[in-house]
Amino acid sequence: MPRLSVLLIRTALVYFAAGFTLGGLMLVEKAVRIDPVLWRFFDAHVEFLLIGWTVQLAMGVAFWMLPRFAGGTSRGNEPAAWTAFFLVNAGVLLAGFGSFFGLPRAVSLTGRVFEVGAALAFAVHAWPRIRPSP
């Protein structure tokens, strides 16, 4: 499995664990009223699970499984895929924790822009690899 796929999938699993942990803490708080500040993790919980886990897992599997170019070694525009990896993680962290720390809305918006940039960068990488069967 390529190094980038391993990184994407492992990072996705970290977000999976973190997202479900935050969700579990919020559920416990709902039942026994520990500390209402735990509800400030809601945005991070959603961000970690929807983008950090789901999207990043799909990117890792796609990077690994999409057809290679002629010769069987090239996976296409790898710098674009690496850019997508860094942008999606920066975007998840900015959008997820921006509201928790009470940062300006521009921080969360910047995170969303990074996530869109990651999607575009991954599309630039993957588009040539998607072709009809001979």
Protein backbone atom coordinates (compact mmCIF):
# COMPACT_ATOMS: atom_id res chain seq x y z
CA MET A 1 0.00 0.00 0.00
CA PRO A 2 1.44 3.44 -0.89
CA ARG A 3 2.74 5.64 1.93
CA LEU A 4 0.15 8.36 1.29
CA SER A 5 -2.71 5.85 1.49
CA VAL A 6 -1.36 4.58 4.78
CA LEU A 7 -1.15 8.13 6.16
CA LEU A 8 -4.62 9.05 4.95
CA ILE A 9 -6.22 5.91 6.38
CA ARG A 10 -4.37 6.07 9.71
CA THR A 11 -5.22 9.74 10.11
CA ALA A 12 -8.84 8.92 9.27
CA LEU A 13 -8.85 6.30 12.04
CA VAL A 14 -7.47 8.85 14.51
CA TYR A 15 -10.30 11.21 13.58
CA PHE A 16 -12.75 8.31 13.93
CA ALA A 17 -11.59 7.61 17.48
CA ALA A 18 -11.50 11.29 18.44
CA GLY A 19 -14.91 12.02 16.90
CA PHE A 20 -16.64 9.14 18.62
CA THR A 21 -14.92 9.96 21.91
CA LEU A 22 -16.21 13.53 21.74
CA GLY A 23 -19.66 12.25 20.82
CA GLY A 24 -19.60 9.83 23.74
CA LEU A 25 -18.58 12.59 26.13
CA MET A 26 -21.45 14.76 24.93
CA LEU A 27 -23.90 11.87 25.41
CA VAL A 28 -22.64 11.23 28.93
CA GLU A 29 -22.94 14.94 29.69
CA LYS A 30 -26.51 14.87 28.42
CA ALA A 31 -27.36 12.04 30.83
CA VAL A 32 -25.54 13.05 34.01
CA ARG A 33 -24.81 16.77 33.55
CA ILE A 34 -21.04 16.78 34.03
CA ASP A 35 -20.16 20.12 32.47
CA PRO A 36 -22.12 21.96 29.77
CA VAL A 37 -18.87 23.19 28.21
CA LEU A 38 -18.57 19.71 26.62
CA TRP A 39 -21.24 20.76 24.11
CA ARG A 40 -18.74 23.19 22.64
CA PHE A 41 -17.10 20.09 21.12
CA PHE A 42 -20.11 19.54 18.86
CA ASP A 43 -18.58 21.23 15.79
CA ALA A 44 -15.31 19.33 16.25
CA HIS A 45 -17.25 16.07 16.66
CA VAL A 46 -19.14 16.61 13.40
CA GLU A 47 -16.05 17.82 11.55
CA PHE A 48 -13.90 14.91 12.71
CA LEU A 49 -16.46 12.31 11.66
CA LEU A 50 -17.79 13.77 8.41
CA ILE A 51 -14.61 15.16 6.89
CA GLY A 52 -11.74 13.84 8.98
CA TRP A 53 -12.88 10.23 8.98
CA THR A 54 -15.24 9.67 6.06
CA VAL A 55 -13.70 11.87 3.39
CA GLN A 56 -10.12 11.12 4.34
CA LEU A 57 -10.76 7.37 4.40
CA ALA A 58 -12.29 7.61 0.91
CA MET A 59 -9.29 9.61 -0.30
CA GLY A 60 -6.86 7.03 1.08
CA VAL A 61 -8.65 4.10 -0.51
CA ALA A 62 -9.08 5.97 -3.80
CA PHE A 63 -5.38 6.87 -3.96
CA TRP A 64 -4.56 3.20 -3.47
CA MET A 65 -7.23 1.59 -5.67
CA LEU A 66 -7.69 3.83 -8.71
CA PRO A 67 -6.02 2.46 -11.86
CA ARG A 68 -2.40 3.36 -12.37
CA PHE A 69 -1.03 4.85 -15.55
CA ALA A 70 0.60 2.81 -18.29
CA GLY A 71 3.52 0.86 -16.96
CA GLY A 72 1.76 0.24 -13.67
CA THR A 73 3.96 2.38 -11.41
CA SER A 74 2.76 5.99 -11.63
CA ARG A 75 -0.17 7.05 -9.48
CA GLY A 76 -0.54 10.35 -11.28
CA ASN A 77 -0.02 13.79 -9.81
CA GLU A 78 1.20 12.77 -6.34
CA PRO A 79 2.11 16.31 -5.23
CA ALA A 80 -1.57 17.26 -5.70
CA ALA A 81 -2.61 14.28 -3.56
CA TRP A 82 -0.12 15.27 -0.83
CA THR A 83 -1.44 18.83 -0.99
CA ALA A 84 -4.95 17.44 -0.51
CA PHE A 85 -3.76 15.50 2.56
CA PHE A 86 -2.30 18.60 4.23
CA LEU A 87 -5.20 20.86 3.26
CA VAL A 88 -7.92 18.49 4.48
CA ASN A 89 -6.22 18.05 7.85
CA ALA A 90 -5.59 21.76 8.32
CA GLY A 91 -9.20 22.43 7.31
CA VAL A 92 -10.63 19.87 9.74
CA LEU A 93 -8.63 21.25 12.64
CA LEU A 94 -9.44 24.88 11.87
CA ALA A 95 -13.14 24.30 11.26
CA GLY A 96 -13.49 21.87 14.14
CA PHE A 97 -11.73 23.80 16.86
CA GLY A 98 -12.45 27.35 15.67
CA SER A 99 -15.75 27.55 17.49
CA PHE A 100 -14.55 25.57 20.52
CA PHE A 101 -11.86 28.11 21.31
CA GLY A 102 -14.13 31.03 20.50
CA LEU A 103 -12.03 32.12 17.55
CA PRO A 104 -13.49 34.47 14.93
CA ARG A 105 -15.76 32.91 12.30
CA ALA A 106 -13.05 33.66 9.75
CA VAL A 107 -10.99 30.79 11.23
CA SER A 108 -13.75 28.26 10.61
CA LEU A 109 -14.35 29.74 7.17
CA THR A 110 -10.65 29.37 6.39
CA GLY A 111 -10.90 25.73 7.41
CA ARG A 112 -13.80 25.24 5.00
CA VAL A 113 -11.82 26.90 2.22
CA PHE A 114 -8.93 24.53 2.93
CA GLU A 115 -11.32 21.57 2.72
CA VAL A 116 -12.64 22.73 -0.64
CA GLY A 117 -9.04 23.22 -1.77
CA ALA A 118 -8.28 19.67 -0.67
CA ALA A 119 -11.20 18.35 -2.72
CA LEU A 120 -10.00 20.27 -5.77
CA ALA A 121 -6.39 19.13 -5.32
CA PHE A 122 -7.50 15.50 -4.99
CA ALA A 123 -9.70 15.87 -8.06
CA VAL A 124 -6.69 17.20 -10.01
CA HIS A 125 -4.80 14.11 -8.90
CA ALA A 126 -7.56 11.56 -9.52
CA TRP A 127 -9.23 12.86 -12.68
CA PRO A 128 -6.71 11.43 -15.18
CA ARG A 129 -6.81 8.05 -13.42
CA ILE A 130 -10.55 7.67 -13.99
CA ARG A 131 -11.07 6.31 -17.49
CA PRO A 132 -13.29 3.75 -19.20
CA SER A 133 -12.25 0.14 -19.45
CA PRO A 134 -10.67 -0.87 -22.77
